[in-house]
Amino acid sequence: MEKGYLIENYEVTDKENYIPPVKVINEILEKHNGKFLVATPKAQTLHGKPLEVIVVIEFSSNQNALDFFNSKDYAEYRELYERTTQGWVLCALEYKATR
């Protein structure tokens, strides 16, 4: 089964109300077979103009990633991010080389 990834790139537009609830999110991620691989505002830009924060979350499957993102457990935090940040989130499958 191919792994799934949620990839986020955003700027915090409301720093006063933005609270990254990492501990709670980690607990929700565990329920959906996911884990943070990258979560930093300190990435080194090599090309282009990315936004402030980069996040990569790995899941055991693409369906787990979608289930997490759409879960009731995560809904409150997703709404917080939508109110306090501007950017994008995408879901991508693991790359598998073919020969």
C-alpha atoms as a PDB file:
ATOM      1  CA  MET A   1       0.000   0.000   0.000  1.00  0.00           C
ATOM      2  CA  GLU A   2       1.291   3.457  -0.899  1.00  0.00           C
ATOM      3  CA  LYS A   3       1.804   5.971   1.861  1.00  0.00           C
ATOM      4  CA  GLY A   4      -0.076   9.261   1.751  1.00  0.00           C
ATOM      5  CA  TYR A   5       1.231  12.706   2.673  1.00  0.00           C
ATOM      6  CA  LEU A   6      -0.426  15.945   3.701  1.00  0.00           C
ATOM      7  CA  ILE A   7       1.780  18.836   2.642  1.00  0.00           C
ATOM      8  CA  GLU A   8       1.084  22.352   3.882  1.00  0.00           C
ATOM      9  CA  ASN A   9       2.632  25.713   3.111  1.00  0.00           C
ATOM     10  CA  TYR A  10       1.162  28.751   4.813  1.00  0.00           C
ATOM     11  CA  GLU A  11       1.704  32.129   6.443  1.00  0.00           C
ATOM     12  CA  VAL A  12       0.296  32.946   9.850  1.00  0.00           C
ATOM     13  CA  THR A  13      -2.004  35.933   9.300  1.00  0.00           C
ATOM     14  CA  ASP A  14      -3.352  36.165  12.870  1.00  0.00           C
ATOM     15  CA  LYS A  15      -0.388  35.540  15.187  1.00  0.00           C
ATOM     16  CA  GLU A  16      -2.412  36.550  18.256  1.00  0.00           C
ATOM     17  CA  ASN A  17      -4.915  33.701  17.824  1.00  0.00           C
ATOM     18  CA  TYR A  18      -2.717  31.127  16.064  1.00  0.00           C
ATOM     19  CA  ILE A  19      -1.760  28.325  18.429  1.00  0.00           C
ATOM     20  CA  PRO A  20      -0.101  25.279  16.896  1.00  0.00           C
ATOM     21  CA  PRO A  21      -1.630  22.496  19.054  1.00  0.00           C
ATOM     22  CA  VAL A  22       1.118  19.989  18.248  1.00  0.00           C
ATOM     23  CA  LYS A  23       0.556  17.683  21.248  1.00  0.00           C
ATOM     24  CA  VAL A  24      -3.170  17.309  20.557  1.00  0.00           C
ATOM     25  CA  ILE A  25      -2.567  16.946  16.813  1.00  0.00           C
ATOM     26  CA  ASN A  26      -0.018  14.175  17.477  1.00  0.00           C
ATOM     27  CA  GLU A  27      -2.672  12.239  19.408  1.00  0.00           C
ATOM     28  CA  ILE A  28      -5.160  12.627  16.541  1.00  0.00           C
ATOM     29  CA  LEU A  29      -2.479  11.661  14.008  1.00  0.00           C
ATOM     30  CA  GLU A  30      -1.773   8.431  15.893  1.00  0.00           C
ATOM     31  CA  LYS A  31      -5.443   7.442  15.532  1.00  0.00           C
ATOM     32  CA  HIS A  32      -5.075   7.857  11.755  1.00  0.00           C
ATOM     33  CA  ASN A  33      -1.641   6.197  11.384  1.00  0.00           C
ATOM     34  CA  GLY A  34       0.113   9.510  10.751  1.00  0.00           C
ATOM     35  CA  LYS A  35       3.171  11.356  11.980  1.00  0.00           C
ATOM     36  CA  PHE A  36       4.897  14.696  11.416  1.00  0.00           C
ATOM     37  CA  LEU A  37       7.982  14.522   9.222  1.00  0.00           C
ATOM     38  CA  VAL A  38       8.498  18.288   8.836  1.00  0.00           C
ATOM     39  CA  ALA A  39       6.908  21.193  10.714  1.00  0.00           C
ATOM     40  CA  THR A  40       8.996  24.349  10.629  1.00  0.00           C
ATOM     41  CA  PRO A  41       9.015  28.041   9.813  1.00  0.00           C
ATOM     42  CA  LYS A  42      12.800  27.756   9.373  1.00  0.00           C
ATOM     43  CA  ALA A  43      13.224  25.884   6.099  1.00  0.00           C
ATOM     44  CA  GLN A  44      16.090  27.008   3.880  1.00  0.00           C
ATOM     45  CA  THR A  45      14.710  28.287   0.567  1.00  0.00           C
ATOM     46  CA  LEU A  46      16.755  27.065  -2.391  1.00  0.00           C
ATOM     47  CA  HIS A  47      14.450  28.282  -5.167  1.00  0.00           C
ATOM     48  CA  GLY A  48      11.167  30.177  -5.426  1.00  0.00           C
ATOM     49  CA  LYS A  49       9.112  31.966  -2.794  1.00  0.00           C
ATOM     50  CA  PRO A  50       7.496  29.561  -0.351  1.00  0.00           C
ATOM     51  CA  LEU A  51       5.294  30.825   2.438  1.00  0.00           C
ATOM     52  CA  GLU A  52       6.425  30.978   6.081  1.00  0.00           C
ATOM     53  CA  VAL A  53       5.578  27.484   7.425  1.00  0.00           C
ATOM     54  CA  ILE A  54       6.227  24.099   5.805  1.00  0.00           C
ATOM     55  CA  VAL A  55       4.528  20.956   7.153  1.00  0.00           C
ATOM     56  CA  VAL A  56       4.779  17.383   5.857  1.00  0.00           C
ATOM     57  CA  ILE A  57       2.745  14.651   7.565  1.00  0.00           C
ATOM     58  CA  GLU A  58       3.168  10.995   6.595  1.00  0.00           C
ATOM     59  CA  PHE A  59       0.311   8.469   6.768  1.00  0.00           C
ATOM     60  CA  SER A  60       0.312   4.728   6.228  1.00  0.00           C
ATOM     61  CA  SER A  61      -2.097   5.279   3.303  1.00  0.00           C
ATOM     62  CA  ASN A  62      -3.640   8.063   1.268  1.00  0.00           C
ATOM     63  CA  GLN A  63      -7.040   7.150   2.717  1.00  0.00           C
ATOM     64  CA  ASN A  64      -5.664   7.619   6.267  1.00  0.00           C
ATOM     65  CA  ALA A  65      -4.495  11.119   5.260  1.00  0.00           C
ATOM     66  CA  LEU A  66      -7.935  12.022   3.896  1.00  0.00           C
ATOM     67  CA  ASP A  67      -9.701  10.487   6.893  1.00  0.00           C
ATOM     68  CA  PHE A  68      -7.526  12.537   9.268  1.00  0.00           C
ATOM     69  CA  PHE A  69      -8.090  15.794   7.381  1.00  0.00           C
ATOM     70  CA  ASN A  70     -11.862  15.268   7.297  1.00  0.00           C
ATOM     71  CA  SER A  71     -12.210  13.805  10.813  1.00  0.00           C
ATOM     72  CA  LYS A  72     -14.365  15.300  13.549  1.00  0.00           C
ATOM     73  CA  ASP A  73     -11.322  15.121  15.861  1.00  0.00           C
ATOM     74  CA  TYR A  74      -9.340  17.446  13.589  1.00  0.00           C
ATOM     75  CA  ALA A  75     -12.214  19.757  12.546  1.00  0.00           C
ATOM     76  CA  GLU A  76     -11.711  22.292  15.357  1.00  0.00           C
ATOM     77  CA  TYR A  77      -8.005  22.649  14.565  1.00  0.00           C
ATOM     78  CA  ARG A  78      -8.601  22.799  10.812  1.00  0.00           C
ATOM     79  CA  GLU A  79     -11.016  25.684  11.421  1.00  0.00           C
ATOM     80  CA  LEU A  80      -8.371  27.414  13.583  1.00  0.00           C
ATOM     81  CA  TYR A  81      -5.810  27.131  10.783  1.00  0.00           C
ATOM     82  CA  GLU A  82      -8.319  28.354   8.213  1.00  0.00           C
ATOM     83  CA  ARG A  83      -9.043  31.448  10.356  1.00  0.00           C
ATOM     84  CA  THR A  84      -5.450  32.279  11.290  1.00  0.00           C
ATOM     85  CA  THR A  85      -3.386  31.294   8.241  1.00  0.00           C
ATOM     86  CA  GLN A  86      -3.314  31.711   4.489  1.00  0.00           C
ATOM     87  CA  GLY A  87      -1.786  29.163   2.154  1.00  0.00           C
ATOM     88  CA  TRP A  88      -2.490  25.678   0.900  1.00  0.00           C
ATOM     89  CA  VAL A  89      -2.770  22.008   1.886  1.00  0.00           C
ATOM     90  CA  LEU A  90      -2.550  19.083  -0.496  1.00  0.00           C
ATOM     91  CA  CYS A  91      -2.709  15.307  -0.253  1.00  0.00           C
ATOM     92  CA  ALA A  92      -0.173  13.329  -2.276  1.00  0.00           C
ATOM     93  CA  LEU A  93       0.685   9.671  -2.773  1.00  0.00           C
ATOM     94  CA  GLU A  94       4.121   8.269  -2.053  1.00  0.00           C
ATOM     95  CA  TYR A  95       6.376   8.227  -5.110  1.00  0.00           C
ATOM     96  CA  LYS A  96       7.120   4.734  -6.385  1.00  0.00           C
ATOM     97  CA  ALA A  97       9.767   4.441  -9.096  1.00  0.00           C
ATOM     98  CA  THR A  98       8.837   2.243 -12.031  1.00  0.00           C
ATOM     99  CA  ARG A  99      11.289   0.514 -14.304  1.00  0.00           C
END
